[in-house]
């Protein structure tokens, strides 16, 4: 997931929703040896170990940890938490005749 979307989600997500996402990711990740989104030098499994080690649902979670968890395992979020892209279909282009 892109960082800007992860930041938007991190503002509103609760620890319980993060826990649910991580539980879904635990069973949903097919290949733990894939390269991590956060750091190209580690795998998803290694990133999991780092992120889960410092996560406690009953304690306050730092904003950067939320962002990193969402970036790495954001595909396991419920669909209602993922912001929809706004497309501007009514864009009228500005035009000038070329000067030769």
PDB file of N, CA and C in Angstrom:
ATOM      1  N   UNK A   1       0.846  -1.177   0.000  1.00  0.00           N
ATOM      2  CA  UNK A   1       0.000   0.000   0.000  1.00  0.00           C
ATOM      3  C   UNK A   1       0.891   1.239   0.000  1.00  0.00           C
ATOM      4  N   UNK A   2       0.413   2.253  -0.660  1.00  0.00           N
ATOM      5  CA  UNK A   2       1.140   3.516  -0.731  1.00  0.00           C
ATOM      6  C   UNK A   2       1.143   4.211   0.630  1.00  0.00           C
ATOM      7  N   UNK A   3       2.193   4.971   0.891  1.00  0.00           N
ATOM      8  CA  UNK A   3       2.365   5.630   2.187  1.00  0.00           C
ATOM      9  C   UNK A   3       1.265   6.645   2.468  1.00  0.00           C
ATOM     10  N   UNK A   4       0.859   7.406   1.472  1.00  0.00           N
ATOM     11  CA  UNK A   4      -0.147   8.436   1.722  1.00  0.00           C
ATOM     12  C   UNK A   4      -1.485   7.823   2.135  1.00  0.00           C
ATOM     13  N   UNK A   5      -1.844   6.679   1.554  1.00  0.00           N
ATOM     14  CA  UNK A   5      -3.079   6.001   1.966  1.00  0.00           C
ATOM     15  C   UNK A   5      -2.934   5.419   3.367  1.00  0.00           C
ATOM     16  N   UNK A   6      -1.767   4.876   3.660  1.00  0.00           N
ATOM     17  CA  UNK A   6      -1.526   4.315   4.991  1.00  0.00           C
ATOM     18  C   UNK A   6      -1.619   5.400   6.062  1.00  0.00           C
ATOM     19  N   UNK A   7      -1.153   6.595   5.752  1.00  0.00           N
ATOM     20  CA  UNK A   7      -1.246   7.707   6.719  1.00  0.00           C
ATOM     21  C   UNK A   7      -2.681   8.095   6.994  1.00  0.00           C
ATOM     22  N   UNK A   8      -3.500   8.109   5.963  1.00  0.00           N
ATOM     23  CA  UNK A   8      -4.911   8.441   6.127  1.00  0.00           C
ATOM     24  C   UNK A   8      -5.603   7.398   6.999  1.00  0.00           C
ATOM     25  N   UNK A   9      -5.337   6.140   6.737  1.00  0.00           N
ATOM     26  CA  UNK A   9      -5.953   5.055   7.500  1.00  0.00           C
ATOM     27  C   UNK A   9      -5.453   5.059   8.938  1.00  0.00           C
ATOM     28  N   UNK A  10      -4.163   5.339   9.144  1.00  0.00           N
ATOM     29  CA  UNK A  10      -3.575   5.323  10.487  1.00  0.00           C
ATOM     30  C   UNK A  10      -4.211   6.363  11.402  1.00  0.00           C
ATOM     31  N   UNK A  11      -4.775   7.411  10.840  1.00  0.00           N
ATOM     32  CA  UNK A  11      -5.437   8.437  11.643  1.00  0.00           C
ATOM     33  C   UNK A  11      -6.711   7.922  12.302  1.00  0.00           C
ATOM     34  N   UNK A  12      -7.396   6.988  11.650  1.00  0.00           N
ATOM     35  CA  UNK A  12      -8.717   6.573  12.125  1.00  0.00           C
ATOM     36  C   UNK A  12      -8.792   5.130  12.633  1.00  0.00           C
ATOM     37  N   UNK A  13      -7.792   4.326  12.352  1.00  0.00           N
ATOM     38  CA  UNK A  13      -7.854   2.907  12.710  1.00  0.00           C
ATOM     39  C   UNK A  13      -7.660   2.720  14.215  1.00  0.00           C
ATOM     40  N   UNK A  14      -8.349   1.732  14.768  1.00  0.00           N
ATOM     41  CA  UNK A  14      -8.220   1.420  16.188  1.00  0.00           C
ATOM     42  C   UNK A  14      -7.277   0.235  16.370  1.00  0.00           C
ATOM     43  N   UNK A  15      -6.842   0.023  17.592  1.00  0.00           N
ATOM     44  CA  UNK A  15      -5.959  -1.108  17.877  1.00  0.00           C
ATOM     45  C   UNK A  15      -6.660  -2.438  17.606  1.00  0.00           C
ATOM     46  N   UNK A  16      -7.964  -2.505  17.867  1.00  0.00           N
ATOM     47  CA  UNK A  16      -8.713  -3.729  17.614  1.00  0.00           C
ATOM     48  C   UNK A  16      -8.762  -4.040  16.118  1.00  0.00           C
ATOM     49  N   UNK A  17      -8.912  -3.009  15.302  1.00  0.00           N
ATOM     50  CA  UNK A  17      -8.915  -3.204  13.852  1.00  0.00           C
ATOM     51  C   UNK A  17      -7.531  -3.624  13.359  1.00  0.00           C
ATOM     52  N   UNK A  18      -6.487  -3.056  13.962  1.00  0.00           N
ATOM     53  CA  UNK A  18      -5.122  -3.479  13.613  1.00  0.00           C
ATOM     54  C   UNK A  18      -4.901  -4.937  13.978  1.00  0.00           C
ATOM     55  N   UNK A  19      -5.383  -5.338  15.156  1.00  0.00           N
ATOM     56  CA  UNK A  19      -5.251  -6.721  15.587  1.00  0.00           C
ATOM     57  C   UNK A  19      -5.969  -7.659  14.630  1.00  0.00           C
ATOM     58  N   UNK A  20      -7.166  -7.274  14.209  1.00  0.00           N
ATOM     59  CA  UNK A  20      -7.926  -8.095  13.264  1.00  0.00           C
ATOM     60  C   UNK A  20      -7.188  -8.209  11.935  1.00  0.00           C
ATOM     61  N   UNK A  21      -6.595  -7.082  11.479  1.00  0.00           N
ATOM     62  CA  UNK A  21      -5.831  -7.098  10.239  1.00  0.00           C
ATOM     63  C   UNK A  21      -4.644  -8.053  10.347  1.00  0.00           C
ATOM     64  N   UNK A  22      -3.939  -7.995  11.473  1.00  0.00           N
ATOM     65  CA  UNK A  22      -2.769  -8.850  11.645  1.00  0.00           C
ATOM     66  C   UNK A  22      -3.168 -10.329  11.761  1.00  0.00           C
ATOM     67  N   UNK A  23      -4.303 -10.619  12.395  1.00  0.00           N
ATOM     68  CA  UNK A  23      -4.767 -12.002  12.470  1.00  0.00           C
ATOM     69  C   UNK A  23      -5.158 -12.530  11.093  1.00  0.00           C
ATOM     70  N   UNK A  24      -5.773 -11.674  10.288  1.00  0.00           N
ATOM     71  CA  UNK A  24      -6.115 -12.060   8.924  1.00  0.00           C
ATOM     72  C   UNK A  24      -4.847 -12.258   8.092  1.00  0.00           C
ATOM     73  N   UNK A  25      -3.858 -11.407   8.304  1.00  0.00           N
ATOM     74  CA  UNK A  25      -2.596 -11.516   7.566  1.00  0.00           C
ATOM     75  C   UNK A  25      -1.845 -12.791   7.941  1.00  0.00           C
ATOM     76  N   UNK A  26      -1.948 -13.195   9.202  1.00  0.00           N
ATOM     77  CA  UNK A  26      -1.247 -14.402   9.657  1.00  0.00           C
ATOM     78  C   UNK A  26      -1.646 -15.616   8.832  1.00  0.00           C
ATOM     79  N   UNK A  27      -2.925 -15.713   8.518  1.00  0.00           N
ATOM     80  CA  UNK A  27      -3.390 -16.856   7.726  1.00  0.00           C
ATOM     81  C   UNK A  27      -3.423 -16.551   6.233  1.00  0.00           C
ATOM     82  N   UNK A  28      -3.440 -15.263   5.871  1.00  0.00           N
ATOM     83  CA  UNK A  28      -3.601 -14.887   4.478  1.00  0.00           C
ATOM     84  C   UNK A  28      -2.331 -14.779   3.664  1.00  0.00           C
ATOM     85  N   UNK A  29      -1.205 -14.550   4.312  1.00  0.00           N
ATOM     86  CA  UNK A  29       0.057 -14.419   3.565  1.00  0.00           C
ATOM     87  C   UNK A  29       0.469 -15.796   3.062  1.00  0.00           C
ATOM     88  N   UNK A  30       0.638 -15.899   1.758  1.00  0.00           N
ATOM     89  CA  UNK A  30       0.994 -17.187   1.151  1.00  0.00           C
ATOM     90  C   UNK A  30       2.497 -17.446   1.185  1.00  0.00           C
ATOM     91  N   UNK A  31       3.280 -16.394   0.958  1.00  0.00           N
ATOM     92  CA  UNK A  31       4.732 -16.566   0.885  1.00  0.00           C
ATOM     93  C   UNK A  31       5.399 -15.574   1.829  1.00  0.00           C
ATOM     94  N   UNK A  32       5.860 -16.065   2.966  1.00  0.00           N
ATOM     95  CA  UNK A  32       6.515 -15.217   3.961  1.00  0.00           C
ATOM     96  C   UNK A  32       7.933 -14.835   3.532  1.00  0.00           C
ATOM     97  N   UNK A  33       8.432 -15.432   2.451  1.00  0.00           N
ATOM     98  CA  UNK A  33       9.776 -15.126   1.974  1.00  0.00           C
ATOM     99  C   UNK A  33       9.784 -14.010   0.934  1.00  0.00           C
ATOM    100  N   UNK A  34       8.628 -13.414   0.673  1.00  0.00           N
ATOM    101  CA  UNK A  34       8.555 -12.276  -0.234  1.00  0.00           C
ATOM    102  C   UNK A  34       9.332 -11.102   0.341  1.00  0.00           C
ATOM    103  N   UNK A  35       9.805 -10.237  -0.522  1.00  0.00           N
ATOM    104  CA  UNK A  35      10.529  -9.045  -0.081  1.00  0.00           C
ATOM    105  C   UNK A  35       9.539  -8.070   0.555  1.00  0.00           C
ATOM    106  N   UNK A  36       9.944  -7.479   1.661  1.00  0.00           N
ATOM    107  CA  UNK A  36       9.108  -6.541   2.402  1.00  0.00           C
ATOM    108  C   UNK A  36       8.949  -5.235   1.648  1.00  0.00           C
ATOM    109  N   UNK A  37       7.795  -4.609   1.815  1.00  0.00           N
ATOM    110  CA  UNK A  37       7.551  -3.284   1.232  1.00  0.00           C
ATOM    111  C   UNK A  37       8.336  -2.226   2.004  1.00  0.00           C
ATOM    112  N   UNK A  38       8.477  -2.434   3.297  1.00  0.00           N
ATOM    113  CA  UNK A  38       9.126  -1.440   4.161  1.00  0.00           C
ATOM    114  C   UNK A  38      10.631  -1.365   3.961  1.00  0.00           C
ATOM    115  N   UNK A  39      11.256  -2.517   3.753  1.00  0.00           N
ATOM    116  CA  UNK A  39      12.709  -2.577   3.655  1.00  0.00           C
ATOM    117  C   UNK A  39      13.057  -3.704   2.689  1.00  0.00           C
ATOM    118  N   UNK A  40      13.686  -3.378   1.594  1.00  0.00           N
ATOM    119  CA  UNK A  40      13.989  -4.371   0.557  1.00  0.00           C
ATOM    120  C   UNK A  40      15.033  -5.392   0.991  1.00  0.00           C
ATOM    121  N   UNK A  41      15.653  -5.171   2.143  1.00  0.00           N
ATOM    122  CA  UNK A  41      16.663  -6.102   2.635  1.00  0.00           C
ATOM    123  C   UNK A  41      16.110  -7.188   3.548  1.00  0.00           C
ATOM    124  N   UNK A  42      14.796  -7.161   3.812  1.00  0.00           N
ATOM    125  CA  UNK A  42      14.199  -8.175   4.685  1.00  0.00           C
ATOM    126  C   UNK A  42      12.972  -8.770   4.006  1.00  0.00           C
ATOM    127  N   UNK A  43      12.485  -9.875   4.571  1.00  0.00           N
ATOM    128  CA  UNK A  43      11.306 -10.539   4.028  1.00  0.00           C
ATOM    129  C   UNK A  43      10.063 -10.122   4.804  1.00  0.00           C
ATOM    130  N   UNK A  44       8.903 -10.536   4.300  1.00  0.00           N
ATOM    131  CA  UNK A  44       7.644 -10.262   4.996  1.00  0.00           C
ATOM    132  C   UNK A  44       7.648 -10.920   6.374  1.00  0.00           C
ATOM    133  N   UNK A  45       8.229 -12.098   6.478  1.00  0.00           N
ATOM    134  CA  UNK A  45       8.295 -12.795   7.765  1.00  0.00           C
ATOM    135  C   UNK A  45       9.105 -12.028   8.787  1.00  0.00           C
ATOM    136  N   UNK A  46      10.210 -11.478   8.357  1.00  0.00           N
ATOM    137  CA  UNK A  46      11.054 -10.692   9.266  1.00  0.00           C
ATOM    138  C   UNK A  46      10.345  -9.404   9.680  1.00  0.00           C
ATOM    139  N   UNK A  47       9.667  -8.766   8.713  1.00  0.00           N
ATOM    140  CA  UNK A  47       8.900  -7.555   9.015  1.00  0.00           C
ATOM    141  C   UNK A  47       7.778  -7.875   9.994  1.00  0.00           C
ATOM    142  N   UNK A  48       7.144  -9.032   9.811  1.00  0.00           N
ATOM    143  CA  UNK A  48       6.097  -9.471  10.742  1.00  0.00           C
ATOM    144  C   UNK A  48       6.645  -9.552  12.153  1.00  0.00           C
ATOM    145  N   UNK A  49       7.806 -10.189  12.307  1.00  0.00           N
ATOM    146  CA  UNK A  49       8.409 -10.349  13.635  1.00  0.00           C
ATOM    147  C   UNK A  49       8.702  -9.003  14.291  1.00  0.00           C
ATOM    148  N   UNK A  50       9.179  -8.054  13.518  1.00  0.00           N
ATOM    149  CA  UNK A  50       9.490  -6.724  14.056  1.00  0.00           C
ATOM    150  C   UNK A  50       8.211  -5.996  14.462  1.00  0.00           C
ATOM    151  N   UNK A  51       7.211  -6.010  13.588  1.00  0.00           N
ATOM    152  CA  UNK A  51       5.985  -5.254  13.840  1.00  0.00           C
ATOM    153  C   UNK A  51       5.139  -5.853  14.959  1.00  0.00           C
ATOM    154  N   UNK A  52       5.039  -7.146  15.008  1.00  0.00           N
ATOM    155  CA  UNK A  52       4.196  -7.799  16.018  1.00  0.00           C
ATOM    156  C   UNK A  52       4.871  -7.776  17.391  1.00  0.00           C
ATOM    157  N   UNK A  53       6.170  -7.783  17.439  1.00  0.00           N
ATOM    158  CA  UNK A  53       6.877  -7.786  18.726  1.00  0.00           C
ATOM    159  C   UNK A  53       6.567  -6.532  19.538  1.00  0.00           C
ATOM    160  N   UNK A  54       6.357  -5.415  18.882  1.00  0.00           N
ATOM    161  CA  UNK A  54       6.130  -4.164  19.601  1.00  0.00           C
ATOM    162  C   UNK A  54       4.648  -3.761  19.631  1.00  0.00           C
ATOM    163  N   UNK A  55       3.756  -4.629  19.162  1.00  0.00           N
ATOM    164  CA  UNK A  55       2.335  -4.297  19.129  1.00  0.00           C
ATOM    165  C   UNK A  55       1.601  -4.937  20.303  1.00  0.00           C
ATOM    166  N   UNK A  56       0.865  -4.112  21.043  1.00  0.00           N
ATOM    167  CA  UNK A  56       0.008  -4.584  22.125  1.00  0.00           C
ATOM    168  C   UNK A  56      -1.324  -3.866  21.985  1.00  0.00           C
ATOM    169  N   UNK A  57      -2.401  -4.621  21.872  1.00  0.00           N
ATOM    170  CA  UNK A  57      -3.715  -4.044  21.626  1.00  0.00           C
ATOM    171  C   UNK A  57      -4.188  -3.175  22.782  1.00  0.00           C
ATOM    172  N   UNK A  58      -3.688  -3.392  23.979  1.00  0.00           N
ATOM    173  CA  UNK A  58      -4.116  -2.643  25.159  1.00  0.00           C
ATOM    174  C   UNK A  58      -3.294  -1.390  25.421  1.00  0.00           C
ATOM    175  N   UNK A  59      -2.259  -1.154  24.660  1.00  0.00           N
ATOM    176  CA  UNK A  59      -1.396   0.011  24.843  1.00  0.00           C
ATOM    177  C   UNK A  59      -1.500   0.939  23.646  1.00  0.00           C
ATOM    178  N   UNK A  60      -1.076   2.157  23.860  1.00  0.00           N
ATOM    179  CA  UNK A  60      -1.043   3.126  22.779  1.00  0.00           C
ATOM    180  C   UNK A  60       0.031   2.716  21.767  1.00  0.00           C
ATOM    181  N   UNK A  61      -0.312   2.823  20.501  1.00  0.00           N
ATOM    182  CA  UNK A  61       0.600   2.431  19.428  1.00  0.00           C
ATOM    183  C   UNK A  61       1.075   3.700  18.727  1.00  0.00           C
ATOM    184  N   UNK A  62       2.373   3.796  18.477  1.00  0.00           N
ATOM    185  CA  UNK A  62       2.905   4.974  17.802  1.00  0.00           C
ATOM    186  C   UNK A  62       2.358   5.063  16.379  1.00  0.00           C
ATOM    187  N   UNK A  63       2.292   6.287  15.901  1.00  0.00           N
ATOM    188  CA  UNK A  63       1.730   6.532  14.579  1.00  0.00           C
ATOM    189  C   UNK A  63       2.566   5.856  13.489  1.00  0.00           C
ATOM    190  N   UNK A  64       3.875   5.911  13.607  1.00  0.00           N
ATOM    191  CA  UNK A  64       4.741   5.311  12.590  1.00  0.00           C
ATOM    192  C   UNK A  64       4.595   3.790  12.554  1.00  0.00           C
ATOM    193  N   UNK A  65       4.373   3.170  13.715  1.00  0.00           N
ATOM    194  CA  UNK A  65       4.149   1.728  13.743  1.00  0.00           C
ATOM    195  C   UNK A  65       2.852   1.378  13.027  1.00  0.00           C
ATOM    196  N   UNK A  66       1.807   2.171  13.252  1.00  0.00           N
ATOM    197  CA  UNK A  66       0.545   1.945  12.552  1.00  0.00           C
ATOM    198  C   UNK A  66       0.741   2.056  11.042  1.00  0.00           C
ATOM    199  N   UNK A  67       1.444   3.098  10.627  1.00  0.00           N
ATOM    200  CA  UNK A  67       1.675   3.302   9.193  1.00  0.00           C
ATOM    201  C   UNK A  67       2.431   2.124   8.602  1.00  0.00           C
ATOM    202  N   UNK A  68       3.477   1.674   9.275  1.00  0.00           N
ATOM    203  CA  UNK A  68       4.273   0.558   8.761  1.00  0.00           C
ATOM    204  C   UNK A  68       3.475  -0.739   8.716  1.00  0.00           C
ATOM    205  N   UNK A  69       2.650  -0.981   9.728  1.00  0.00           N
ATOM    206  CA  UNK A  69       1.812  -2.185   9.721  1.00  0.00           C
ATOM    207  C   UNK A  69       0.832  -2.147   8.555  1.00  0.00           C
ATOM    208  N   UNK A  70       0.247  -0.989   8.329  1.00  0.00           N
ATOM    209  CA  UNK A  70      -0.722  -0.852   7.243  1.00  0.00           C
ATOM    210  C   UNK A  70      -0.037  -0.946   5.887  1.00  0.00           C
ATOM    211  N   UNK A  71       1.144  -0.350   5.754  1.00  0.00           N
ATOM    212  CA  UNK A  71       1.865  -0.443   4.472  1.00  0.00           C
ATOM    213  C   UNK A  71       2.212  -1.887   4.140  1.00  0.00           C
ATOM    214  N   UNK A  72       2.676  -2.627   5.132  1.00  0.00           N
ATOM    215  CA  UNK A  72       3.123  -4.000   4.879  1.00  0.00           C
ATOM    216  C   UNK A  72       1.961  -4.979   4.709  1.00  0.00           C
ATOM    217  N   UNK A  73       0.939  -4.869   5.537  1.00  0.00           N
ATOM    218  CA  UNK A  73      -0.144  -5.851   5.529  1.00  0.00           C
ATOM    219  C   UNK A  73      -1.502  -5.214   5.249  1.00  0.00           C
ATOM    220  N   UNK A  74      -1.524  -4.077   4.575  1.00  0.00           N
ATOM    221  CA  UNK A  74      -2.747  -3.342   4.311  1.00  0.00           C
ATOM    222  C   UNK A  74      -3.737  -4.052   3.417  1.00  0.00           C
ATOM    223  N   UNK A  75      -3.292  -5.010   2.646  1.00  0.00           N
ATOM    224  CA  UNK A  75      -4.240  -5.717   1.781  1.00  0.00           C
ATOM    225  C   UNK A  75      -5.207  -6.589   2.586  1.00  0.00           C
ATOM    226  N   UNK A  76      -4.936  -6.762   3.868  1.00  0.00           N
ATOM    227  CA  UNK A  76      -5.805  -7.563   4.728  1.00  0.00           C
ATOM    228  C   UNK A  76      -6.751  -6.700   5.567  1.00  0.00           C
ATOM    229  N   UNK A  77      -6.793  -5.403   5.286  1.00  0.00           N
ATOM    230  CA  UNK A  77      -7.734  -4.507   5.955  1.00  0.00           C
ATOM    231  C   UNK A  77      -9.143  -4.735   5.424  1.00  0.00           C
ATOM    232  N   UNK A  78     -10.152  -4.463   6.250  1.00  0.00           N
ATOM    233  CA  UNK A  78     -11.524  -4.484   5.726  1.00  0.00           C
ATOM    234  C   UNK A  78     -11.690  -3.402   4.657  1.00  0.00           C
ATOM    235  N   UNK A  79     -12.511  -3.667   3.677  1.00  0.00           N
ATOM    236  CA  UNK A  79     -12.676  -2.754   2.539  1.00  0.00           C
ATOM    237  C   UNK A  79     -13.202  -1.380   2.955  1.00  0.00           C
ATOM    238  N   UNK A  80     -13.975  -1.307   4.043  1.00  0.00           N
ATOM    239  CA  UNK A  80     -14.537  -0.014   4.443  1.00  0.00           C
ATOM    240  C   UNK A  80     -13.483   0.939   4.998  1.00  0.00           C
ATOM    241  N   UNK A  81     -12.321   0.444   5.394  1.00  0.00           N
ATOM    242  CA  UNK A  81     -11.258   1.313   5.909  1.00  0.00           C
ATOM    243  C   UNK A  81     -10.365   1.886   4.816  1.00  0.00           C
ATOM    244  N   UNK A  82     -10.380   1.287   3.650  1.00  0.00           N
ATOM    245  CA  UNK A  82      -9.508   1.729   2.566  1.00  0.00           C
ATOM    246  C   UNK A  82     -10.160   2.921   1.861  1.00  0.00           C
ATOM    247  N   UNK A  83      -9.480   4.079   1.821  1.00  0.00           N
ATOM    248  CA  UNK A  83     -10.070   5.266   1.176  1.00  0.00           C
ATOM    249  C   UNK A  83     -10.197   5.070  -0.332  1.00  0.00           C
ATOM    250  N   UNK A  84     -11.283   5.557  -0.868  1.00  0.00           N
ATOM    251  CA  UNK A  84     -11.508   5.452  -2.307  1.00  0.00           C
ATOM    252  C   UNK A  84     -10.800   6.602  -3.004  1.00  0.00           C
ATOM    253  N   UNK A  85     -10.250   6.309  -4.164  1.00  0.00           N
ATOM    254  CA  UNK A  85      -9.604   7.342  -4.973  1.00  0.00           C
ATOM    255  C   UNK A  85     -10.668   8.210  -5.611  1.00  0.00           C
ATOM    256  N   UNK A  86     -10.483   9.503  -5.484  1.00  0.00           N
ATOM    257  CA  UNK A  86     -11.409  10.437  -6.109  1.00  0.00           C
ATOM    258  C   UNK A  86     -10.882  10.790  -7.485  1.00  0.00           C
ATOM    259  N   UNK A  87     -11.705  10.519  -8.483  1.00  0.00           N
ATOM    260  CA  UNK A  87     -11.302  10.824  -9.844  1.00  0.00           C
ATOM    261  C   UNK A  87     -12.097  12.018 -10.331  1.00  0.00           C
ATOM    262  N   UNK A  88     -11.401  12.963 -10.899  1.00  0.00           N
ATOM    263  CA  UNK A  88     -12.023  14.162 -11.435  1.00  0.00           C
ATOM    264  C   UNK A  88     -12.367  13.915 -12.897  1.00  0.00           C
ATOM    265  N   UNK A  89     -13.625  13.591 -13.159  1.00  0.00           N
ATOM    266  CA  UNK A  89     -14.026  13.310 -14.532  1.00  0.00           C
ATOM    267  C   UNK A  89     -14.453  14.567 -15.270  1.00  0.00           C
ATOM    268  N   UNK A  90     -14.695  15.644 -14.551  1.00  0.00           N
ATOM    269  CA  UNK A  90     -15.166  16.875 -15.176  1.00  0.00           C
ATOM    270  C   UNK A  90     -14.045  17.890 -15.369  1.00  0.00           C
ATOM    271  N   UNK A  91     -12.868  17.422 -15.654  1.00  0.00           N
ATOM    272  CA  UNK A  91     -11.747  18.324 -15.887  1.00  0.00           C
ATOM    273  C   UNK A  91     -11.831  18.847 -17.316  1.00  0.00           C
ATOM    274  N   UNK A  92     -11.848  20.155 -17.420  1.00  0.00           N
ATOM    275  CA  UNK A  92     -11.858  20.777 -18.741  1.00  0.00           C
ATOM    276  C   UNK A  92     -10.450  21.287 -19.017  1.00  0.00           C
ATOM    277  N   UNK A  93      -9.784  20.743 -20.020  1.00  0.00           N
ATOM    278  CA  UNK A  93      -8.403  21.158 -20.284  1.00  0.00           C
ATOM    279  C   UNK A  93      -8.334  22.581 -20.824  1.00  0.00           C
ATOM    280  N   UNK A  94      -7.256  23.242 -20.534  1.00  0.00           N
ATOM    281  CA  UNK A  94      -6.985  24.578 -21.050  1.00  0.00           C
ATOM    282  C   UNK A  94      -6.264  24.418 -22.380  1.00  0.00           C
ATOM    283  N   UNK A  95      -6.687  25.178 -23.334  1.00  0.00           N
ATOM    284  CA  UNK A  95      -6.098  25.037 -24.671  1.00  0.00           C
ATOM    285  C   UNK A  95      -5.682  26.396 -25.216  1.00  0.00           C
ATOM    286  N   UNK A  96      -4.597  26.396 -25.933  1.00  0.00           N
ATOM    287  CA  UNK A  96      -4.161  27.552 -26.721  1.00  0.00           C
ATOM    288  C   UNK A  96      -3.757  27.032 -28.088  1.00  0.00           C
ATOM    289  N   UNK A  97      -4.071  27.817 -29.075  1.00  0.00           N
ATOM    290  CA  UNK A  97      -3.630  27.460 -30.429  1.00  0.00           C
ATOM    291  C   UNK A  97      -2.116  27.624 -30.489  1.00  0.00           C
ATOM    292  N   UNK A  98      -1.428  26.720 -31.151  1.00  0.00           N
ATOM    293  CA  UNK A  98       0.014  26.846 -31.266  1.00  0.00           C
ATOM    294  C   UNK A  98       0.398  28.061 -32.127  1.00  0.00           C
ATOM    295  N   UNK A  99       1.474  28.717 -31.732  1.00  0.00           N
ATOM    296  CA  UNK A  99       1.980  29.874 -32.463  1.00  0.00           C
ATOM    297  C   UNK A  99       3.135  29.392 -33.319  1.00  0.00           C
ATOM    298  N   UNK A 100       2.960  29.566 -34.628  1.00  0.00           N
ATOM    299  CA  UNK A 100       4.002  29.098 -35.555  1.00  0.00           C
ATOM    300  C   UNK A 100       4.839  30.228 -36.067  1.00  0.00           C
TER     301      UNK A 100
END
